[in-house]
């Protein structure tokens, strides 16, 4: 069974909108155009569906990787050099 690449593209665009809710659709399309041009040397207008799918999957993987990276804990030190009660290190001695 062959999947319709256009349907797959639309589904991936929807998923990326969920992964990056702060990004407007036009911004996402512009970004994908830059990525596509970087990968293929062709503008978004000239990319075929399979090339666009490759760009979409690469960008999706980057978005998912960013979400799996946890920021380092914030440690607040008081003047005495000991951790403040609100810090994750408080109470651990």
PDB file of N, CA and C in Angstrom:
ATOM      1  N   UNK A   1       0.837  -1.188   0.000  1.00  0.00           N
ATOM      2  CA  UNK A   1       0.000   0.000   0.000  1.00  0.00           C
ATOM      3  C   UNK A   1       0.878   1.247   0.000  1.00  0.00           C
ATOM      4  N   UNK A   2       0.607   2.149  -0.891  1.00  0.00           N
ATOM      5  CA  UNK A   2       1.359   3.391  -0.994  1.00  0.00           C
ATOM      6  C   UNK A   2       0.612   4.492  -0.257  1.00  0.00           C
ATOM      7  N   UNK A   3       1.347   5.220   0.562  1.00  0.00           N
ATOM      8  CA  UNK A   3       0.714   6.329   1.265  1.00  0.00           C
ATOM      9  C   UNK A   3       0.774   7.573   0.391  1.00  0.00           C
ATOM     10  N   UNK A   4      -0.193   8.427   0.564  1.00  0.00           N
ATOM     11  CA  UNK A   4      -0.226   9.696  -0.172  1.00  0.00           C
ATOM     12  C   UNK A   4       0.712  10.669   0.534  1.00  0.00           C
ATOM     13  N   UNK A   5       1.803  11.082  -0.129  1.00  0.00           N
ATOM     14  CA  UNK A   5       2.752  11.979   0.545  1.00  0.00           C
ATOM     15  C   UNK A   5       2.118  13.305   0.959  1.00  0.00           C
ATOM     16  N   UNK A   6       1.134  13.773   0.217  1.00  0.00           N
ATOM     17  CA  UNK A   6       0.498  15.043   0.590  1.00  0.00           C
ATOM     18  C   UNK A   6      -0.240  14.913   1.913  1.00  0.00           C
ATOM     19  N   UNK A   7      -0.914  13.792   2.107  1.00  0.00           N
ATOM     20  CA  UNK A   7      -1.623  13.570   3.377  1.00  0.00           C
ATOM     21  C   UNK A   7      -0.621  13.476   4.528  1.00  0.00           C
ATOM     22  N   UNK A   8       0.482  12.787   4.280  1.00  0.00           N
ATOM     23  CA  UNK A   8       1.524  12.652   5.295  1.00  0.00           C
ATOM     24  C   UNK A   8       2.128  14.012   5.644  1.00  0.00           C
ATOM     25  N   UNK A   9       2.328  14.860   4.634  1.00  0.00           N
ATOM     26  CA  UNK A   9       2.856  16.208   4.864  1.00  0.00           C
ATOM     27  C   UNK A   9       1.904  17.005   5.750  1.00  0.00           C
ATOM     28  N   UNK A  10       0.617  16.951   5.447  1.00  0.00           N
ATOM     29  CA  UNK A  10      -0.369  17.699   6.235  1.00  0.00           C
ATOM     30  C   UNK A  10      -0.404  17.196   7.673  1.00  0.00           C
ATOM     31  N   UNK A  11      -0.330  15.884   7.867  1.00  0.00           N
ATOM     32  CA  UNK A  11      -0.325  15.325   9.218  1.00  0.00           C
ATOM     33  C   UNK A  11       0.915  15.765   9.997  1.00  0.00           C
ATOM     34  N   UNK A  12       2.062  15.751   9.326  1.00  0.00           N
ATOM     35  CA  UNK A  12       3.300  16.191   9.985  1.00  0.00           C
ATOM     36  C   UNK A  12       3.251  17.674  10.333  1.00  0.00           C
ATOM     37  N   UNK A  13       2.682  18.481   9.447  1.00  0.00           N
ATOM     38  CA  UNK A  13       2.545  19.914   9.745  1.00  0.00           C
ATOM     39  C   UNK A  13       1.689  20.110  10.991  1.00  0.00           C
ATOM     40  N   UNK A  14       0.610  19.351  11.110  1.00  0.00           N
ATOM     41  CA  UNK A  14      -0.236  19.431  12.299  1.00  0.00           C
ATOM     42  C   UNK A  14       0.515  19.039  13.552  1.00  0.00           C
ATOM     43  N   UNK A  15       1.308  17.980  13.453  1.00  0.00           N
ATOM     44  CA  UNK A  15       2.100  17.544  14.606  1.00  0.00           C
ATOM     45  C   UNK A  15       3.121  18.600  15.008  1.00  0.00           C
ATOM     46  N   UNK A  16       3.744  19.224  14.014  1.00  0.00           N
ATOM     47  CA  UNK A  16       4.736  20.254  14.326  1.00  0.00           C
ATOM     48  C   UNK A  16       4.093  21.489  14.945  1.00  0.00           C
ATOM     49  N   UNK A  17       2.875  21.786  14.558  1.00  0.00           N
ATOM     50  CA  UNK A  17       2.158  22.895  15.186  1.00  0.00           C
ATOM     51  C   UNK A  17       1.932  22.604  16.668  1.00  0.00           C
ATOM     52  N   UNK A  18       1.665  21.352  16.990  1.00  0.00           N
ATOM     53  CA  UNK A  18       1.492  20.970  18.390  1.00  0.00           C
ATOM     54  C   UNK A  18       2.818  20.984  19.144  1.00  0.00           C
ATOM     55  N   UNK A  19       3.901  20.589  18.479  1.00  0.00           N
ATOM     56  CA  UNK A  19       5.213  20.561  19.126  1.00  0.00           C
ATOM     57  C   UNK A  19       5.783  21.955  19.374  1.00  0.00           C
ATOM     58  N   UNK A  20       5.362  22.924  18.570  1.00  0.00           N
ATOM     59  CA  UNK A  20       5.869  24.295  18.733  1.00  0.00           C
ATOM     60  C   UNK A  20       4.700  25.278  18.656  1.00  0.00           C
ATOM     61  N   UNK A  21       3.892  25.342  19.714  1.00  0.00           N
ATOM     62  CA  UNK A  21       2.686  26.177  19.693  1.00  0.00           C
ATOM     63  C   UNK A  21       2.957  27.677  19.589  1.00  0.00           C
ATOM     64  N   UNK A  22       4.176  28.108  19.894  1.00  0.00           N
ATOM     65  CA  UNK A  22       4.508  29.534  19.820  1.00  0.00           C
ATOM     66  C   UNK A  22       4.810  29.996  18.393  1.00  0.00           C
ATOM     67  N   UNK A  23       4.953  29.053  17.479  1.00  0.00           N
ATOM     68  CA  UNK A  23       5.334  29.371  16.103  1.00  0.00           C
ATOM     69  C   UNK A  23       4.075  29.456  15.242  1.00  0.00           C
ATOM     70  N   UNK A  24       3.937  30.563  14.519  1.00  0.00           N
ATOM     71  CA  UNK A  24       2.805  30.713  13.598  1.00  0.00           C
ATOM     72  C   UNK A  24       3.024  29.819  12.379  1.00  0.00           C
ATOM     73  N   UNK A  25       1.955  29.464  11.696  1.00  0.00           N
ATOM     74  CA  UNK A  25       2.033  28.576  10.543  1.00  0.00           C
ATOM     75  C   UNK A  25       2.931  29.169   9.459  1.00  0.00           C
ATOM     76  N   UNK A  26       2.811  30.456   9.205  1.00  0.00           N
ATOM     77  CA  UNK A  26       3.664  31.098   8.209  1.00  0.00           C
ATOM     78  C   UNK A  26       5.133  31.012   8.588  1.00  0.00           C
ATOM     79  N   UNK A  27       5.430  31.171   9.873  1.00  0.00           N
ATOM     80  CA  UNK A  27       6.810  31.052  10.334  1.00  0.00           C
ATOM     81  C   UNK A  27       7.315  29.627  10.134  1.00  0.00           C
ATOM     82  N   UNK A  28       6.465  28.658  10.429  1.00  0.00           N
ATOM     83  CA  UNK A  28       6.848  27.259  10.246  1.00  0.00           C
ATOM     84  C   UNK A  28       7.143  26.964   8.779  1.00  0.00           C
ATOM     85  N   UNK A  29       6.285  27.434   7.895  1.00  0.00           N
ATOM     86  CA  UNK A  29       6.501  27.210   6.461  1.00  0.00           C
ATOM     87  C   UNK A  29       7.783  27.897   5.980  1.00  0.00           C
ATOM     88  N   UNK A  30       8.027  29.110   6.461  1.00  0.00           N
ATOM     89  CA  UNK A  30       9.257  29.814   6.081  1.00  0.00           C
ATOM     90  C   UNK A  30      10.483  29.050   6.577  1.00  0.00           C
ATOM     91  N   UNK A  31      10.409  28.560   7.803  1.00  0.00           N
ATOM     92  CA  UNK A  31      11.522  27.803   8.377  1.00  0.00           C
ATOM     93  C   UNK A  31      11.768  26.520   7.572  1.00  0.00           C
ATOM     94  N   UNK A  32      10.688  25.839   7.223  1.00  0.00           N
ATOM     95  CA  UNK A  32      10.828  24.628   6.416  1.00  0.00           C
ATOM     96  C   UNK A  32      11.433  24.948   5.048  1.00  0.00           C
ATOM     97  N   UNK A  33      11.072  26.101   4.500  1.00  0.00           N
ATOM     98  CA  UNK A  33      11.668  26.525   3.238  1.00  0.00           C
ATOM     99  C   UNK A  33      13.171  26.722   3.353  1.00  0.00           C
ATOM    100  N   UNK A  34      13.604  27.348   4.453  1.00  0.00           N
ATOM    101  CA  UNK A  34      15.044  27.540   4.674  1.00  0.00           C
ATOM    102  C   UNK A  34      15.745  26.199   4.843  1.00  0.00           C
ATOM    103  N   UNK A  35      15.136  25.294   5.626  1.00  0.00           N
ATOM    104  CA  UNK A  35      15.740  23.976   5.832  1.00  0.00           C
ATOM    105  C   UNK A  35      15.825  23.206   4.516  1.00  0.00           C
ATOM    106  N   UNK A  36      14.758  23.270   3.728  1.00  0.00           N
ATOM    107  CA  UNK A  36      14.748  22.583   2.444  1.00  0.00           C
ATOM    108  C   UNK A  36      15.795  23.118   1.500  1.00  0.00           C
ATOM    109  N   UNK A  37      15.954  24.429   1.490  1.00  0.00           N
ATOM    110  CA  UNK A  37      16.964  25.040   0.627  1.00  0.00           C
ATOM    111  C   UNK A  37      18.366  24.663   1.093  1.00  0.00           C
ATOM    112  N   UNK A  38      18.543  24.591   2.407  1.00  0.00           N
ATOM    113  CA  UNK A  38      19.838  24.204   2.963  1.00  0.00           C
ATOM    114  C   UNK A  38      20.180  22.761   2.587  1.00  0.00           C
ATOM    115  N   UNK A  39      19.188  21.869   2.652  1.00  0.00           N
ATOM    116  CA  UNK A  39      19.427  20.450   2.365  1.00  0.00           C
ATOM    117  C   UNK A  39      19.570  20.154   0.878  1.00  0.00           C
ATOM    118  N   UNK A  40      18.778  20.832   0.053  1.00  0.00           N
ATOM    119  CA  UNK A  40      18.706  20.448  -1.357  1.00  0.00           C
ATOM    120  C   UNK A  40      19.230  21.500  -2.324  1.00  0.00           C
ATOM    121  N   UNK A  41      19.351  22.732  -1.853  1.00  0.00           N
ATOM    122  CA  UNK A  41      19.733  23.820  -2.758  1.00  0.00           C
ATOM    123  C   UNK A  41      18.555  24.305  -3.595  1.00  0.00           C
ATOM    124  N   UNK A  42      17.366  23.808  -3.295  1.00  0.00           N
ATOM    125  CA  UNK A  42      16.151  24.182  -4.032  1.00  0.00           C
ATOM    126  C   UNK A  42      15.204  24.921  -3.104  1.00  0.00           C
ATOM    127  N   UNK A  43      14.439  25.846  -3.664  1.00  0.00           N
ATOM    128  CA  UNK A  43      13.472  26.585  -2.856  1.00  0.00           C
ATOM    129  C   UNK A  43      12.276  25.699  -2.537  1.00  0.00           C
ATOM    130  N   UNK A  44      11.475  26.125  -1.600  1.00  0.00           N
ATOM    131  CA  UNK A  44      10.267  25.394  -1.213  1.00  0.00           C
ATOM    132  C   UNK A  44       9.377  25.152  -2.427  1.00  0.00           C
ATOM    133  N   UNK A  45       9.318  26.114  -3.316  1.00  0.00           N
ATOM    134  CA  UNK A  45       8.512  25.998  -4.533  1.00  0.00           C
ATOM    135  C   UNK A  45       8.959  24.795  -5.376  1.00  0.00           C
ATOM    136  N   UNK A  46      10.254  24.530  -5.412  1.00  0.00           N
ATOM    137  CA  UNK A  46      10.806  23.493  -6.287  1.00  0.00           C
ATOM    138  C   UNK A  46      11.007  22.133  -5.621  1.00  0.00           C
ATOM    139  N   UNK A  47      10.772  22.037  -4.310  1.00  0.00           N
ATOM    140  CA  UNK A  47      10.932  20.745  -3.641  1.00  0.00           C
ATOM    141  C   UNK A  47       9.813  19.802  -4.064  1.00  0.00           C
ATOM    142  N   UNK A  48      10.174  18.545  -4.324  1.00  0.00           N
ATOM    143  CA  UNK A  48       9.107  17.580  -4.565  1.00  0.00           C
ATOM    144  C   UNK A  48       8.614  17.073  -3.204  1.00  0.00           C
ATOM    145  N   UNK A  49       7.520  16.362  -3.210  1.00  0.00           N
ATOM    146  CA  UNK A  49       6.890  15.955  -1.944  1.00  0.00           C
ATOM    147  C   UNK A  49       7.809  15.087  -1.085  1.00  0.00           C
ATOM    148  N   UNK A  50       8.563  14.197  -1.705  1.00  0.00           N
ATOM    149  CA  UNK A  50       9.459  13.328  -0.940  1.00  0.00           C
ATOM    150  C   UNK A  50      10.573  14.135  -0.265  1.00  0.00           C
ATOM    151  N   UNK A  51      11.081  15.154  -0.970  1.00  0.00           N
ATOM    152  CA  UNK A  51      12.110  16.007  -0.368  1.00  0.00           C
ATOM    153  C   UNK A  51      11.531  16.800   0.801  1.00  0.00           C
ATOM    154  N   UNK A  52      10.324  17.302   0.632  1.00  0.00           N
ATOM    155  CA  UNK A  52       9.680  18.044   1.723  1.00  0.00           C
ATOM    156  C   UNK A  52       9.421  17.123   2.909  1.00  0.00           C
ATOM    157  N   UNK A  53       9.019  15.889   2.640  1.00  0.00           N
ATOM    158  CA  UNK A  53       8.827  14.930   3.732  1.00  0.00           C
ATOM    159  C   UNK A  53      10.121  14.718   4.507  1.00  0.00           C
ATOM    160  N   UNK A  54      11.230  14.604   3.814  1.00  0.00           N
ATOM    161  CA  UNK A  54      12.519  14.428   4.482  1.00  0.00           C
ATOM    162  C   UNK A  54      12.829  15.626   5.380  1.00  0.00           C
ATOM    163  N   UNK A  55      12.553  16.827   4.892  1.00  0.00           N
ATOM    164  CA  UNK A  55      12.781  18.047   5.684  1.00  0.00           C
ATOM    165  C   UNK A  55      11.862  18.044   6.910  1.00  0.00           C
ATOM    166  N   UNK A  56      10.607  17.674   6.712  1.00  0.00           N
ATOM    167  CA  UNK A  56       9.643  17.638   7.819  1.00  0.00           C
ATOM    168  C   UNK A  56      10.074  16.637   8.892  1.00  0.00           C
ATOM    169  N   UNK A  57      10.482  15.458   8.494  1.00  0.00           N
ATOM    170  CA  UNK A  57      10.913  14.459   9.469  1.00  0.00           C
ATOM    171  C   UNK A  57      12.171  14.899  10.213  1.00  0.00           C
ATOM    172  N   UNK A  58      13.089  15.553   9.516  1.00  0.00           N
ATOM    173  CA  UNK A  58      14.297  16.041  10.180  1.00  0.00           C
ATOM    174  C   UNK A  58      13.942  17.112  11.221  1.00  0.00           C
ATOM    175  N   UNK A  59      13.085  18.053  10.832  1.00  0.00           N
ATOM    176  CA  UNK A  59      12.711  19.116  11.758  1.00  0.00           C
ATOM    177  C   UNK A  59      11.908  18.555  12.933  1.00  0.00           C
ATOM    178  N   UNK A  60      11.031  17.597  12.660  1.00  0.00           N
ATOM    179  CA  UNK A  60      10.254  16.950  13.727  1.00  0.00           C
ATOM    180  C   UNK A  60      11.195  16.287  14.735  1.00  0.00           C
ATOM    181  N   UNK A  61      12.211  15.588  14.258  1.00  0.00           N
ATOM    182  CA  UNK A  61      13.177  14.941  15.139  1.00  0.00           C
ATOM    183  C   UNK A  61      13.909  15.972  15.994  1.00  0.00           C
ATOM    184  N   UNK A  62      14.247  17.116  15.398  1.00  0.00           N
ATOM    185  CA  UNK A  62      14.916  18.176  16.159  1.00  0.00           C
ATOM    186  C   UNK A  62      13.996  18.721  17.255  1.00  0.00           C
ATOM    187  N   UNK A  63      12.727  18.927  16.924  1.00  0.00           N
ATOM    188  CA  UNK A  63      11.770  19.428  17.923  1.00  0.00           C
ATOM    189  C   UNK A  63      11.591  18.432  19.058  1.00  0.00           C
ATOM    190  N   UNK A  64      11.484  17.161  18.731  1.00  0.00           N
ATOM    191  CA  UNK A  64      11.323  16.130  19.762  1.00  0.00           C
ATOM    192  C   UNK A  64      12.576  16.036  20.629  1.00  0.00           C
ATOM    193  N   UNK A  65      13.742  16.168  20.036  1.00  0.00           N
ATOM    194  CA  UNK A  65      14.993  16.107  20.801  1.00  0.00           C
ATOM    195  C   UNK A  65      15.080  17.268  21.781  1.00  0.00           C
ATOM    196  N   UNK A  66      14.641  18.440  21.357  1.00  0.00           N
ATOM    197  CA  UNK A  66      14.658  19.606  22.252  1.00  0.00           C
ATOM    198  C   UNK A  66      13.759  19.400  23.455  1.00  0.00           C
ATOM    199  N   UNK A  67      12.622  18.755  23.248  1.00  0.00           N
ATOM    200  CA  UNK A  67      11.683  18.549  24.344  1.00  0.00           C
ATOM    201  C   UNK A  67      12.175  17.510  25.339  1.00  0.00           C
ATOM    202  N   UNK A  68      13.043  16.605  24.916  1.00  0.00           N
ATOM    203  CA  UNK A  68      13.523  15.573  25.825  1.00  0.00           C
ATOM    204  C   UNK A  68      14.698  16.046  26.673  1.00  0.00           C
ATOM    205  N   UNK A  69      15.237  17.203  26.360  1.00  0.00           N
ATOM    206  CA  UNK A  69      16.348  17.754  27.138  1.00  0.00           C
ATOM    207  C   UNK A  69      15.776  18.562  28.295  1.00  0.00           C
ATOM    208  N   UNK A  70      16.094  18.144  29.503  1.00  0.00           N
ATOM    209  CA  UNK A  70      15.622  18.861  30.685  1.00  0.00           C
ATOM    210  C   UNK A  70      16.599  19.981  31.018  1.00  0.00           C
ATOM    211  N   UNK A  71      16.069  21.140  31.379  1.00  0.00           N
ATOM    212  CA  UNK A  71      16.969  22.214  31.783  1.00  0.00           C
ATOM    213  C   UNK A  71      17.639  21.857  33.102  1.00  0.00           C
ATOM    214  N   UNK A  72      18.841  22.360  33.321  1.00  0.00           N
ATOM    215  CA  UNK A  72      19.532  22.069  34.581  1.00  0.00           C
ATOM    216  C   UNK A  72      18.775  22.694  35.747  1.00  0.00           C
ATOM    217  N   UNK A  73      18.842  22.078  36.939  1.00  0.00           N
ATOM    218  CA  UNK A  73      18.142  22.644  38.093  1.00  0.00           C
ATOM    219  C   UNK A  73      18.738  23.987  38.488  1.00  0.00           C
ATOM    220  N   UNK A  74      17.904  24.839  39.002  1.00  0.00           N
ATOM    221  CA  UNK A  74      18.342  26.156  39.464  1.00  0.00           C
ATOM    222  C   UNK A  74      18.683  26.057  40.940  1.00  0.00           C
ATOM    223  N   UNK A  75      19.893  26.429  41.284  1.00  0.00           N
ATOM    224  CA  UNK A  75      20.327  26.396  42.678  1.00  0.00           C
ATOM    225  C   UNK A  75      20.515  27.833  43.136  1.00  0.00           C
ATOM    226  N   UNK A  76      19.809  28.184  44.205  1.00  0.00           N
ATOM    227  CA  UNK A  76      19.895  29.531  44.752  1.00  0.00           C
ATOM    228  C   UNK A  76      20.712  29.459  46.032  1.00  0.00           C
ATOM    229  N   UNK A  77      21.839  30.151  46.048  1.00  0.00           N
ATOM    230  CA  UNK A  77      22.714  30.129  47.225  1.00  0.00           C
ATOM    231  C   UNK A  77      22.474  31.374  48.062  1.00  0.00           C
ATOM    232  N   UNK A  78      22.473  31.189  49.363  1.00  0.00           N
ATOM    233  CA  UNK A  78      22.344  32.335  50.264  1.00  0.00           C
ATOM    234  C   UNK A  78      23.734  32.921  50.490  1.00  0.00           C
ATOM    235  N   UNK A  79      23.801  34.016  51.252  1.00  0.00           N
ATOM    236  CA  UNK A  79      25.081  34.665  51.534  1.00  0.00           C
ATOM    237  C   UNK A  79      26.027  33.751  52.298  1.00  0.00           C
ATOM    238  N   UNK A  80      25.493  32.809  53.046  1.00  0.00           N
ATOM    239  CA  UNK A  80      26.353  31.935  53.844  1.00  0.00           C
ATOM    240  C   UNK A  80      26.954  30.809  53.009  1.00  0.00           C
ATOM    241  N   UNK A  81      26.557  30.736  51.732  1.00  0.00           N
ATOM    242  CA  UNK A  81      27.111  29.699  50.879  1.00  0.00           C
ATOM    243  C   UNK A  81      26.295  28.422  50.900  1.00  0.00           C
ATOM    244  N   UNK A  82      25.252  28.364  51.744  1.00  0.00           N
ATOM    245  CA  UNK A  82      24.397  27.187  51.775  1.00  0.00           C
ATOM    246  C   UNK A  82      23.224  27.402  50.835  1.00  0.00           C
ATOM    247  N   UNK A  83      22.656  26.327  50.375  1.00  0.00           N
ATOM    248  CA  UNK A  83      21.522  26.429  49.456  1.00  0.00           C
ATOM    249  C   UNK A  83      20.312  26.949  50.189  1.00  0.00           C
ATOM    250  N   UNK A  84      19.555  27.785  49.510  1.00  0.00           N
ATOM    251  CA  UNK A  84      18.308  28.305  50.050  1.00  0.00           C
ATOM    252  C   UNK A  84      17.275  27.198  50.091  1.00  0.00           C
ATOM    253  N   UNK A  85      16.244  27.295  50.941  1.00  0.00           N
ATOM    254  CA  UNK A  85      15.242  26.237  51.080  1.00  0.00           C
ATOM    255  C   UNK A  85      14.513  25.911  49.777  1.00  0.00           C
ATOM    256  N   UNK A  86      14.385  26.863  48.855  1.00  0.00           N
ATOM    257  CA  UNK A  86      13.641  26.609  47.628  1.00  0.00           C
ATOM    258  C   UNK A  86      14.456  25.849  46.584  1.00  0.00           C
ATOM    259  N   UNK A  87      15.742  25.682  46.823  1.00  0.00           N
ATOM    260  CA  UNK A  87      16.567  25.040  45.792  1.00  0.00           C
ATOM    261  C   UNK A  87      16.474  23.541  45.925  1.00  0.00           C
ATOM    262  N   UNK A  88      16.704  22.813  44.815  1.00  0.00           N
ATOM    263  CA  UNK A  88      16.658  21.360  44.842  1.00  0.00           C
ATOM    264  C   UNK A  88      17.717  20.756  45.754  1.00  0.00           C
ATOM    265  N   UNK A  89      18.802  21.482  45.996  1.00  0.00           N
ATOM    266  CA  UNK A  89      19.894  20.942  46.820  1.00  0.00           C
ATOM    267  C   UNK A  89      19.641  21.138  48.311  1.00  0.00           C
ATOM    268  N   UNK A  90      18.615  21.880  48.675  1.00  0.00           N
ATOM    269  CA  UNK A  90      18.338  22.158  50.085  1.00  0.00           C
ATOM    270  C   UNK A  90      17.993  20.867  50.799  1.00  0.00           C
ATOM    271  N   UNK A  91      18.539  20.703  51.988  1.00  0.00           N
ATOM    272  CA  UNK A  91      18.241  19.542  52.806  1.00  0.00           C
ATOM    273  C   UNK A  91      19.096  18.336  52.469  1.00  0.00           C
ATOM    274  N   UNK A  92      19.890  18.409  51.428  1.00  0.00           N
ATOM    275  CA  UNK A  92      20.759  17.296  51.057  1.00  0.00           C
ATOM    276  C   UNK A  92      22.165  17.618  51.539  1.00  0.00           C
ATOM    277  N   UNK A  93      22.624  16.937  52.543  1.00  0.00           N
ATOM    278  CA  UNK A  93      23.959  17.185  53.080  1.00  0.00           C
ATOM    279  C   UNK A  93      24.682  15.885  53.267  1.00  0.00           C
TER     280      UNK A  93
END
